[in-house]
Amino acid sequence: MRPRMWFGVALRAMGVWWLGYAVVEILTMIFKLDGVPISATVPWQANLMYAAANALVGLVMFLGADGIARFAYRETPPEDEVERF
């Protein structure tokens, strides 16, 4: 496999990791709303915000891995090429 493909696999793995964090935050929020005593001091609204942010980052990394890898490994033009502008 080429480095570009490995980078895409790593991005997808990190996306799954972030989605896992979102699930943990959602479960924490549900436990707080249900009255389960939790040692965390942040309100449930903060857990909801963290879950949304983590889910957004995870989805972008997981679903957009090909585009991000393409952008990161884009071909640069040769140095001797004449500029058009």
C-alpha atoms as a PDB file:
ATOM      1  CA  MET A   1       0.000   0.000   0.000  1.00  0.00           C
ATOM      2  CA  ARG A   2       1.081   3.508  -0.718  1.00  0.00           C
ATOM      3  CA  PRO A   3       1.506   6.140   2.018  1.00  0.00           C
ATOM      4  CA  ARG A   4      -1.606   7.933   0.757  1.00  0.00           C
ATOM      5  CA  MET A   5      -3.681   4.807   1.381  1.00  0.00           C
ATOM      6  CA  TRP A   6      -2.168   4.315   4.850  1.00  0.00           C
ATOM      7  CA  PHE A   7      -2.990   7.935   5.647  1.00  0.00           C
ATOM      8  CA  GLY A   8      -6.604   7.317   4.622  1.00  0.00           C
ATOM      9  CA  VAL A   9      -6.773   4.232   6.836  1.00  0.00           C
ATOM     10  CA  ALA A  10      -5.349   6.232   9.759  1.00  0.00           C
ATOM     11  CA  LEU A  11      -7.914   8.998   9.190  1.00  0.00           C
ATOM     12  CA  ARG A  12     -10.752   6.488   9.206  1.00  0.00           C
ATOM     13  CA  ALA A  13      -9.428   4.884  12.400  1.00  0.00           C
ATOM     14  CA  MET A  14      -9.240   8.290  14.093  1.00  0.00           C
ATOM     15  CA  GLY A  15     -12.771   9.014  12.874  1.00  0.00           C
ATOM     16  CA  VAL A  16     -14.030   5.840  14.534  1.00  0.00           C
ATOM     17  CA  TRP A  17     -12.164   6.895  17.697  1.00  0.00           C
ATOM     18  CA  TRP A  18     -13.917  10.306  17.697  1.00  0.00           C
ATOM     19  CA  LEU A  19     -17.292   8.662  17.075  1.00  0.00           C
ATOM     20  CA  GLY A  20     -16.614   6.447  20.084  1.00  0.00           C
ATOM     21  CA  TYR A  21     -16.040   9.554  22.184  1.00  0.00           C
ATOM     22  CA  ALA A  22     -19.378  10.905  20.953  1.00  0.00           C
ATOM     23  CA  VAL A  23     -21.133   7.717  22.081  1.00  0.00           C
ATOM     24  CA  VAL A  24     -19.490   7.969  25.515  1.00  0.00           C
ATOM     25  CA  GLU A  25     -20.656  11.585  25.876  1.00  0.00           C
ATOM     26  CA  ILE A  26     -24.199  10.641  24.859  1.00  0.00           C
ATOM     27  CA  LEU A  27     -24.258   7.819  27.413  1.00  0.00           C
ATOM     28  CA  THR A  28     -22.928  10.176  30.093  1.00  0.00           C
ATOM     29  CA  MET A  29     -25.651  12.684  29.235  1.00  0.00           C
ATOM     30  CA  ILE A  30     -28.350  10.000  29.416  1.00  0.00           C
ATOM     31  CA  PHE A  31     -27.068   8.828  32.801  1.00  0.00           C
ATOM     32  CA  LYS A  32     -27.090  12.401  34.123  1.00  0.00           C
ATOM     33  CA  LEU A  33     -30.639  12.974  32.909  1.00  0.00           C
ATOM     34  CA  ASP A  34     -31.724   9.695  34.492  1.00  0.00           C
ATOM     35  CA  GLY A  35     -30.317  10.740  37.867  1.00  0.00           C
ATOM     36  CA  VAL A  36     -27.397   8.337  38.071  1.00  0.00           C
ATOM     37  CA  PRO A  37     -24.766   9.886  40.372  1.00  0.00           C
ATOM     38  CA  ILE A  38     -21.728  10.739  38.251  1.00  0.00           C
ATOM     39  CA  SER A  39     -18.613  12.507  39.529  1.00  0.00           C
ATOM     40  CA  ALA A  40     -18.454  14.809  36.486  1.00  0.00           C
ATOM     41  CA  THR A  41     -19.229  18.443  37.275  1.00  0.00           C
ATOM     42  CA  VAL A  42     -20.266  19.628  33.820  1.00  0.00           C
ATOM     43  CA  PRO A  43     -24.002  19.946  33.092  1.00  0.00           C
ATOM     44  CA  TRP A  44     -25.776  17.674  30.637  1.00  0.00           C
ATOM     45  CA  GLN A  45     -25.923  20.484  28.066  1.00  0.00           C
ATOM     46  CA  ALA A  46     -22.133  20.457  27.912  1.00  0.00           C
ATOM     47  CA  ASN A  47     -22.179  16.693  27.321  1.00  0.00           C
ATOM     48  CA  LEU A  48     -24.632  17.240  24.475  1.00  0.00           C
ATOM     49  CA  MET A  49     -22.356  19.887  22.956  1.00  0.00           C
ATOM     50  CA  TYR A  50     -19.279  17.649  23.330  1.00  0.00           C
ATOM     51  CA  ALA A  51     -21.140  14.734  21.739  1.00  0.00           C
ATOM     52  CA  ALA A  52     -22.203  16.866  18.762  1.00  0.00           C
ATOM     53  CA  ALA A  53     -18.690  18.230  18.259  1.00  0.00           C
ATOM     54  CA  ASN A  54     -17.094  14.785  18.548  1.00  0.00           C
ATOM     55  CA  ALA A  55     -19.638  13.283  16.154  1.00  0.00           C
ATOM     56  CA  LEU A  56     -19.015  16.061  13.629  1.00  0.00           C
ATOM     57  CA  VAL A  57     -15.248  15.624  13.735  1.00  0.00           C
ATOM     58  CA  GLY A  58     -15.569  11.835  13.606  1.00  0.00           C
ATOM     59  CA  LEU A  59     -17.900  11.884  10.620  1.00  0.00           C
ATOM     60  CA  VAL A  60     -15.721  14.344   8.711  1.00  0.00           C
ATOM     61  CA  MET A  61     -12.632  12.230   9.358  1.00  0.00           C
ATOM     62  CA  PHE A  62     -14.345   8.919   8.597  1.00  0.00           C
ATOM     63  CA  LEU A  63     -16.389   9.919   5.557  1.00  0.00           C
ATOM     64  CA  GLY A  64     -13.974  12.513   4.183  1.00  0.00           C
ATOM     65  CA  ALA A  65     -10.781  10.466   4.504  1.00  0.00           C
ATOM     66  CA  ASP A  66     -10.358  10.108   0.728  1.00  0.00           C
ATOM     67  CA  GLY A  67     -10.700  13.832   0.104  1.00  0.00           C
ATOM     68  CA  ILE A  68      -8.398  14.751   2.981  1.00  0.00           C
ATOM     69  CA  ALA A  69      -5.762  12.260   1.795  1.00  0.00           C
ATOM     70  CA  ARG A  70      -6.080  13.549  -1.761  1.00  0.00           C
ATOM     71  CA  PHE A  71      -5.575  17.111  -0.510  1.00  0.00           C
ATOM     72  CA  ALA A  72      -2.615  16.128   1.689  1.00  0.00           C
ATOM     73  CA  TYR A  73      -0.843  14.186  -1.090  1.00  0.00           C
ATOM     74  CA  ARG A  74      -1.713  16.397  -4.053  1.00  0.00           C
ATOM     75  CA  GLU A  75       0.806  16.639  -6.828  1.00  0.00           C
ATOM     76  CA  THR A  76       2.799  19.844  -7.033  1.00  0.00           C
ATOM     77  CA  PRO A  77       3.790  21.210 -10.436  1.00  0.00           C
ATOM     78  CA  PRO A  78       7.457  21.057 -11.420  1.00  0.00           C
ATOM     79  CA  GLU A  79       9.582  24.080 -10.516  1.00  0.00           C
ATOM     80  CA  ASP A  80      10.554  24.839 -14.118  1.00  0.00           C
ATOM     81  CA  GLU A  81       6.964  25.153 -15.331  1.00  0.00           C
ATOM     82  CA  VAL A  82       6.091  28.628 -16.604  1.00  0.00           C
ATOM     83  CA  GLU A  83       3.541  30.440 -14.459  1.00  0.00           C
ATOM     84  CA  ARG A  84       0.370  31.453 -16.269  1.00  0.00           C
ATOM     85  CA  PHE A  85      -0.234  34.677 -14.348  1.00  0.00           C
END
